[in-house]
Amino acid sequence: MERGVREGDPLSPYFFVIVVETLAIVIRQNSAIKVSLLVKRKQSCSNTLMTRQRFYEIEVQALFNLLDVFRKLSGLRVNTSKTEGMWVGSLRNNESKPFGIKWSGEPIKALGVYYFYDTKLLHEKNFIERLDSVKKLENIWSSRGLSVYGRVTVIESFIIPKFVYILSLLPAPKEIVHRVEPNIILISMERNG
């Protein structure tokens, strides 16, 4: 058996999930990738910062080494020209750019979710833009003269899913909840014209 299956083969997504889940298990079991949790708190602040940075670099290097082994076995590789890193926590202002990847001061998008230090920008990118698309949907569907059942279906099928995934990863800002709730109520209560 060779690596891969024919394009369009129905087994392809299942093989991919099996292989990637195996990689995830190996990452979780690799003790070198959990080194950053072992930083001692008794050191001076600047010394701790440097120690943390070194631990993070060791941890990420271990991850990249593991991904290289995975590449040799599976043929799947990390595209370093598309890979972005972001320093977090006490290393937020770090200027170091290791591992040949892009270290950005801009929001990083991963699986449709933006991550950034500035909570206002984080909310703008993740919630306000979705809220704007809900307004557009509201305008499209409000002129259709839908029954109550039809309006509920629109809410369940098009509006709520826009927020379910993002809310599973990020806390909901109260202002967003207060802005989404009336839109859902208006759509559901709207009378046929």
Foldseek 3Di string as FASTA:
>chain_A
DDADDDPPPPCRVVVVVVLVVVLVVVLVPDVLLVQLVVQDPPDDPVVSLVVSVVSNVSNVVVVQVSQVVSCVVRVDHDPQAPDEDADDDPCRVPPDDPDSHHYDQDWDADPRATDHDDVVVNCCSQQVVLLVVLVVVLVVPLLVQDDLVVLVCCCVPPNVVSCPVVCVPDPDDPVRVVSVVVSSVCSNPPHGD
